[in-house]
Amino acid sequence: MKMNLFENIPESEPEEVFTELLSAEGVRVERIVSFGQVSPEGLWYDQPENEWILLLEGSATLVFQEKPSVDLRPGDYLNLPAGCRHRVEKTSEKCRTVWLAVFYE
């Protein structure tokens, strides 16, 4: 069945919106939509799986515990190895930020 990644996205929400697009053994694909949200103060993501992210719309800044921060704009992507401590420092407050995240073993 045909689907569109940009359909059914609200223009604003008080919380980030996570939509699972695909799940199979060893891989999960999610669409994440941010509306200015950032990681809670003091929270570092430290995931047991690898994560490949692609920024599709908006902007964001990721901060890493052991690497320089990265500003993302549409089309930018990066791979976060399992255990890479990171946090979302900023997402666009003027428009929604749409991410595609692929979690894999």
Protein backbone atom coordinates (compact mmCIF):
# COMPACT_ATOMS: atom_id res chain seq x y z
CA MET A 1 0.00 0.00 0.00
CA LYS A 2 1.34 3.42 -0.99
CA MET A 3 2.07 5.84 1.84
CA ASN A 4 3.57 9.34 1.97
CA LEU A 5 6.06 10.33 4.65
CA PHE A 6 4.74 13.92 4.76
CA GLU A 7 1.04 13.07 5.15
CA ASN A 8 -0.77 13.38 8.47
CA ILE A 9 1.85 15.58 10.12
CA PRO A 10 0.41 18.24 12.44
CA GLU A 11 1.79 21.78 12.20
CA SER A 12 2.33 21.95 15.96
CA GLU A 13 2.02 19.75 19.05
CA PRO A 14 3.10 20.15 22.68
CA GLU A 15 5.13 16.90 22.41
CA GLU A 16 7.27 15.32 19.72
CA VAL A 17 5.38 12.88 17.49
CA PHE A 18 6.93 9.43 16.89
CA THR A 19 5.47 7.25 14.13
CA GLU A 20 6.80 3.75 13.50
CA LEU A 21 6.93 3.20 9.74
CA LEU A 22 8.54 -0.23 9.61
CA SER A 23 9.67 -2.87 12.06
CA ALA A 24 11.43 -6.12 11.18
CA GLU A 25 14.03 -8.29 12.83
CA GLY A 26 17.07 -6.13 13.53
CA VAL A 27 15.65 -2.88 12.12
CA ARG A 28 13.05 -0.22 12.96
CA VAL A 29 12.21 2.92 10.96
CA GLU A 30 10.52 5.91 12.59
CA ARG A 31 9.37 9.34 11.52
CA ILE A 32 9.98 11.85 14.29
CA VAL A 33 8.41 15.31 14.19
CA SER A 34 9.68 18.02 16.54
CA PHE A 35 8.08 21.42 17.18
CA GLY A 36 10.89 23.20 19.01
CA GLN A 37 11.35 20.40 21.54
CA VAL A 38 14.80 19.52 22.89
CA SER A 39 16.14 16.76 25.13
CA PRO A 40 15.27 17.31 28.79
CA GLU A 41 18.04 18.97 30.79
CA GLY A 42 20.67 16.41 31.80
CA LEU A 43 19.27 13.63 29.57
CA TRP A 44 21.75 11.87 27.30
CA TYR A 45 20.50 9.27 24.83
CA ASP A 46 22.66 6.16 25.12
CA GLN A 47 20.96 3.56 22.95
CA PRO A 48 21.83 -0.13 22.66
CA GLU A 49 21.23 -0.03 18.89
CA ASN A 50 22.76 1.97 16.04
CA GLU A 51 20.74 4.90 14.68
CA TRP A 52 20.97 6.47 11.23
CA ILE A 53 19.13 9.78 11.00
CA LEU A 54 18.15 11.99 8.07
CA LEU A 55 16.78 15.49 8.57
CA LEU A 56 14.01 16.04 6.03
CA GLU A 57 12.54 19.38 7.08
CA GLY A 58 13.37 22.12 9.59
CA SER A 59 16.64 22.32 11.50
CA ALA A 60 18.29 20.81 14.56
CA THR A 61 21.45 20.79 16.63
CA LEU A 62 22.78 17.58 18.17
CA VAL A 63 25.30 17.70 21.00
CA PHE A 64 27.60 14.77 21.72
CA GLN A 65 29.36 13.93 24.94
CA GLU A 66 32.65 13.09 23.22
CA LYS A 67 32.48 14.94 19.87
CA PRO A 68 31.72 18.46 18.63
CA SER A 69 28.06 19.43 18.19
CA VAL A 70 26.44 19.18 14.74
CA ASP A 71 23.96 21.56 13.12
CA LEU A 72 21.56 19.77 10.75
CA ARG A 73 19.53 21.15 7.87
CA PRO A 74 17.33 19.33 5.32
CA GLY A 75 19.23 16.58 3.55
CA ASP A 76 21.86 16.15 6.28
CA TYR A 77 22.27 12.67 7.71
CA LEU A 78 24.55 10.92 10.14
CA ASN A 79 25.10 7.58 11.80
CA LEU A 80 25.10 7.26 15.58
CA PRO A 81 26.78 4.05 16.74
CA ALA A 82 25.24 2.18 19.64
CA GLY A 83 26.33 3.79 22.90
CA CYS A 84 27.04 7.21 21.33
CA ARG A 85 25.84 9.60 24.03
CA HIS A 86 23.96 12.47 22.44
CA ARG A 87 21.14 14.93 23.02
CA VAL A 88 18.98 17.25 20.93
CA GLU A 89 20.05 20.76 21.86
CA LYS A 90 17.78 22.62 19.43
CA THR A 91 15.02 22.13 16.87
CA SER A 92 13.41 24.84 14.78
CA GLU A 93 10.83 26.88 16.65
CA LYS A 94 9.59 28.58 13.45
CA CYS A 95 8.54 25.40 11.66
CA ARG A 96 8.30 21.70 12.33
CA THR A 97 11.41 19.51 12.12
CA VAL A 98 10.90 16.15 10.42
CA TRP A 99 13.42 13.34 10.96
CA LEU A 100 13.70 9.86 9.52
CA ALA A 101 15.39 7.53 11.99
CA VAL A 102 16.56 4.01 11.20
CA PHE A 103 17.48 1.91 14.25
CA TYR A 104 19.47 -1.23 13.48
CA GLU A 105 21.64 -3.88 15.13
